[in-house]
Amino acid sequence: MPMKPILRRVCLLAFIACLNACTTMRSIPPLPKEVNANFEIGEIIKVYTKDDTIITFKVVEITSNAIVGARERIPFTEIVKVEKEELSVLKTTAMGGSVALSTYGTLILVGVLSWIFLF
């Protein structure tokens, strides 16, 4: 009987860990048409420029010549790569599965060890 509250807590912790979503950065070609198709106003993006500067900002406007943020205006001619943060279902599933498996394995190990030492 005393194992039941512990099991509930472990399951709750495993469930909370699984709720954390993993993200990945998706690279978008730095062309006005591609940027317009893949980004919306208000999204946070990461821009890599030709002078090796990396700028992360919220998109305020996308013109035919530049991506505009609150404090920056980066011409497409200066951009090497643009990235967008997206939810990665594969990474999230893998993390949730590994947490569940490690939790289950720990419970089995604790059960076996307690059985060995108690009997």
C-alpha atoms as a PDB file:
ATOM      1  CA  MET A   1       0.000   0.000   0.000  1.00  0.00           C
ATOM      2  CA  PRO A   2       2.676   2.633   0.737  1.00  0.00           C
ATOM      3  CA  MET A   3       3.898   2.400  -2.853  1.00  0.00           C
ATOM      4  CA  LYS A   4       0.668   3.845  -4.303  1.00  0.00           C
ATOM      5  CA  PRO A   5       1.218   7.535  -3.328  1.00  0.00           C
ATOM      6  CA  ILE A   6       4.797   7.356  -4.590  1.00  0.00           C
ATOM      7  CA  LEU A   7       3.652   5.858  -7.876  1.00  0.00           C
ATOM      8  CA  ARG A   8       1.098   8.649  -8.299  1.00  0.00           C
ATOM      9  CA  ARG A   9       3.768  11.304  -7.726  1.00  0.00           C
ATOM     10  CA  VAL A  10       6.171   9.680 -10.159  1.00  0.00           C
ATOM     11  CA  CYS A  11       3.451   9.411 -12.798  1.00  0.00           C
ATOM     12  CA  LEU A  12       2.502  13.057 -12.258  1.00  0.00           C
ATOM     13  CA  LEU A  13       6.126  14.157 -12.673  1.00  0.00           C
ATOM     14  CA  ALA A  14       6.465  12.068 -15.836  1.00  0.00           C
ATOM     15  CA  PHE A  15       3.265  13.599 -17.218  1.00  0.00           C
ATOM     16  CA  ILE A  16       4.477  17.142 -16.489  1.00  0.00           C
ATOM     17  CA  ALA A  17       7.811  16.391 -18.170  1.00  0.00           C
ATOM     18  CA  CYS A  18       5.965  15.157 -21.254  1.00  0.00           C
ATOM     19  CA  LEU A  19       4.059  18.439 -21.533  1.00  0.00           C
ATOM     20  CA  ASN A  20       7.258  20.307 -22.363  1.00  0.00           C
ATOM     21  CA  ALA A  21       7.310  20.707 -26.105  1.00  0.00           C
ATOM     22  CA  CYS A  22      10.573  20.591 -28.032  1.00  0.00           C
ATOM     23  CA  THR A  23      11.198  23.103 -30.747  1.00  0.00           C
ATOM     24  CA  THR A  24      13.467  23.150 -33.758  1.00  0.00           C
ATOM     25  CA  MET A  25      14.659  25.914 -36.041  1.00  0.00           C
ATOM     26  CA  ARG A  26      13.570  25.674 -39.679  1.00  0.00           C
ATOM     27  CA  SER A  27      15.671  27.507 -42.233  1.00  0.00           C
ATOM     28  CA  ILE A  28      13.861  29.627 -44.835  1.00  0.00           C
ATOM     29  CA  PRO A  29      15.577  30.919 -48.005  1.00  0.00           C
ATOM     30  CA  PRO A  30      16.174  34.687 -47.679  1.00  0.00           C
ATOM     31  CA  LEU A  31      13.966  35.625 -50.608  1.00  0.00           C
ATOM     32  CA  PRO A  32      11.056  38.090 -50.281  1.00  0.00           C
ATOM     33  CA  LYS A  33       8.537  35.615 -51.706  1.00  0.00           C
ATOM     34  CA  GLU A  34       9.656  32.790 -49.362  1.00  0.00           C
ATOM     35  CA  VAL A  35       9.753  35.042 -46.301  1.00  0.00           C
ATOM     36  CA  ASN A  36       6.258  36.390 -47.045  1.00  0.00           C
ATOM     37  CA  ALA A  37       4.940  32.839 -47.478  1.00  0.00           C
ATOM     38  CA  ASN A  38       6.500  31.468 -44.282  1.00  0.00           C
ATOM     39  CA  PHE A  39       6.401  34.309 -41.757  1.00  0.00           C
ATOM     40  CA  GLU A  40       3.618  36.332 -40.221  1.00  0.00           C
ATOM     41  CA  ILE A  41       3.748  39.690 -38.529  1.00  0.00           C
ATOM     42  CA  GLY A  42       4.479  39.182 -34.828  1.00  0.00           C
ATOM     43  CA  GLU A  43       6.510  35.981 -35.210  1.00  0.00           C
ATOM     44  CA  ILE A  44       9.963  35.781 -33.699  1.00  0.00           C
ATOM     45  CA  ILE A  45      12.681  34.958 -36.213  1.00  0.00           C
ATOM     46  CA  LYS A  46      16.452  34.596 -36.263  1.00  0.00           C
ATOM     47  CA  VAL A  47      18.335  36.324 -39.088  1.00  0.00           C
ATOM     48  CA  TYR A  48      21.945  35.539 -40.062  1.00  0.00           C
ATOM     49  CA  THR A  49      23.641  38.349 -41.978  1.00  0.00           C
ATOM     50  CA  LYS A  50      26.672  38.405 -44.300  1.00  0.00           C
ATOM     51  CA  ASP A  51      28.824  40.038 -41.590  1.00  0.00           C
ATOM     52  CA  ASP A  52      28.215  37.023 -39.270  1.00  0.00           C
ATOM     53  CA  THR A  53      25.705  38.864 -37.094  1.00  0.00           C
ATOM     54  CA  ILE A  54      22.790  36.878 -35.681  1.00  0.00           C
ATOM     55  CA  ILE A  55      19.712  38.928 -34.842  1.00  0.00           C
ATOM     56  CA  THR A  56      16.599  37.549 -33.161  1.00  0.00           C
ATOM     57  CA  PHE A  57      13.546  39.794 -33.282  1.00  0.00           C
ATOM     58  CA  LYS A  58       9.791  40.015 -33.735  1.00  0.00           C
ATOM     59  CA  VAL A  59       8.680  40.738 -37.304  1.00  0.00           C
ATOM     60  CA  VAL A  60       6.862  44.055 -37.642  1.00  0.00           C
ATOM     61  CA  GLU A  61       6.754  44.268 -41.436  1.00  0.00           C
ATOM     62  CA  ILE A  62       8.014  42.424 -44.497  1.00  0.00           C
ATOM     63  CA  THR A  63       8.672  44.626 -47.506  1.00  0.00           C
ATOM     64  CA  SER A  64       9.958  43.691 -50.943  1.00  0.00           C
ATOM     65  CA  ASN A  65      13.439  44.870 -49.873  1.00  0.00           C
ATOM     66  CA  ALA A  66      13.782  44.056 -46.175  1.00  0.00           C
ATOM     67  CA  ILE A  67      12.524  42.386 -43.028  1.00  0.00           C
ATOM     68  CA  VAL A  68      11.569  45.003 -40.464  1.00  0.00           C
ATOM     69  CA  GLY A  69      11.529  44.655 -36.687  1.00  0.00           C
ATOM     70  CA  ALA A  70      10.876  47.198 -33.944  1.00  0.00           C
ATOM     71  CA  ARG A  71      14.512  48.382 -33.922  1.00  0.00           C
ATOM     72  CA  GLU A  72      15.963  46.818 -37.058  1.00  0.00           C
ATOM     73  CA  ARG A  73      15.547  46.845 -40.798  1.00  0.00           C
ATOM     74  CA  ILE A  74      17.564  44.134 -42.534  1.00  0.00           C
ATOM     75  CA  PRO A  75      17.755  44.239 -46.348  1.00  0.00           C
ATOM     76  CA  PHE A  76      17.395  40.908 -48.130  1.00  0.00           C
ATOM     77  CA  THR A  77      20.737  41.577 -49.853  1.00  0.00           C
ATOM     78  CA  GLU A  78      22.454  41.351 -46.434  1.00  0.00           C
ATOM     79  CA  ILE A  79      20.701  38.170 -45.257  1.00  0.00           C
ATOM     80  CA  VAL A  80      22.393  34.767 -45.502  1.00  0.00           C
ATOM     81  CA  LYS A  81      19.777  32.684 -43.692  1.00  0.00           C
ATOM     82  CA  VAL A  82      16.462  33.186 -41.893  1.00  0.00           C
ATOM     83  CA  GLU A  83      15.187  30.725 -39.281  1.00  0.00           C
ATOM     84  CA  LYS A  84      11.802  30.198 -37.711  1.00  0.00           C
ATOM     85  CA  GLU A  85      11.187  28.325 -34.457  1.00  0.00           C
ATOM     86  CA  GLU A  86       8.676  25.500 -34.842  1.00  0.00           C
ATOM     87  CA  LEU A  87       7.272  22.744 -32.673  1.00  0.00           C
ATOM     88  CA  SER A  88       9.025  19.446 -33.355  1.00  0.00           C
ATOM     89  CA  VAL A  89       6.557  16.591 -32.905  1.00  0.00           C
ATOM     90  CA  LEU A  90       9.318  14.008 -33.348  1.00  0.00           C
ATOM     91  CA  LYS A  91      11.566  15.514 -30.651  1.00  0.00           C
ATOM     92  CA  THR A  92       8.662  16.000 -28.262  1.00  0.00           C
ATOM     93  CA  THR A  93       7.510  12.402 -28.753  1.00  0.00           C
ATOM     94  CA  ALA A  94      11.045  11.081 -28.314  1.00  0.00           C
ATOM     95  CA  MET A  95      11.510  13.073 -25.104  1.00  0.00           C
ATOM     96  CA  GLY A  96       8.149  11.954 -23.725  1.00  0.00           C
ATOM     97  CA  GLY A  97       8.891   8.328 -24.587  1.00  0.00           C
ATOM     98  CA  SER A  98      12.343   8.433 -23.021  1.00  0.00           C
ATOM     99  CA  VAL A  99      10.968  10.017 -19.841  1.00  0.00           C
ATOM    100  CA  ALA A 100       8.245   7.380 -19.654  1.00  0.00           C
ATOM    101  CA  LEU A 101      10.690   4.532 -20.261  1.00  0.00           C
ATOM    102  CA  SER A 102      13.217   5.820 -17.742  1.00  0.00           C
ATOM    103  CA  THR A 103      10.468   6.347 -15.160  1.00  0.00           C
ATOM    104  CA  TYR A 104       9.127   2.847 -15.761  1.00  0.00           C
ATOM    105  CA  GLY A 105      12.646   1.406 -15.578  1.00  0.00           C
ATOM    106  CA  THR A 106      13.346   3.229 -12.323  1.00  0.00           C
ATOM    107  CA  LEU A 107      10.122   1.927 -10.809  1.00  0.00           C
ATOM    108  CA  ILE A 108      11.008  -1.623 -11.783  1.00  0.00           C
ATOM    109  CA  LEU A 109      14.523  -1.216 -10.371  1.00  0.00           C
ATOM    110  CA  VAL A 110      13.184   0.212  -7.088  1.00  0.00           C
ATOM    111  CA  GLY A 111      10.642  -2.619  -6.868  1.00  0.00           C
ATOM    112  CA  VAL A 112      13.262  -5.299  -7.471  1.00  0.00           C
ATOM    113  CA  LEU A 113      15.728  -3.749  -5.010  1.00  0.00           C
ATOM    114  CA  SER A 114      13.072  -3.322  -2.329  1.00  0.00           C
ATOM    115  CA  TRP A 115      11.972  -6.939  -2.854  1.00  0.00           C
ATOM    116  CA  ILE A 116      15.587  -8.155  -2.526  1.00  0.00           C
ATOM    117  CA  PHE A 117      16.328  -6.169   0.611  1.00  0.00           C
ATOM    118  CA  LEU A 118      12.981  -6.697   2.329  1.00  0.00           C
ATOM    119  CA  PHE A 119      12.810 -10.471   1.884  1.00  0.00           C
END
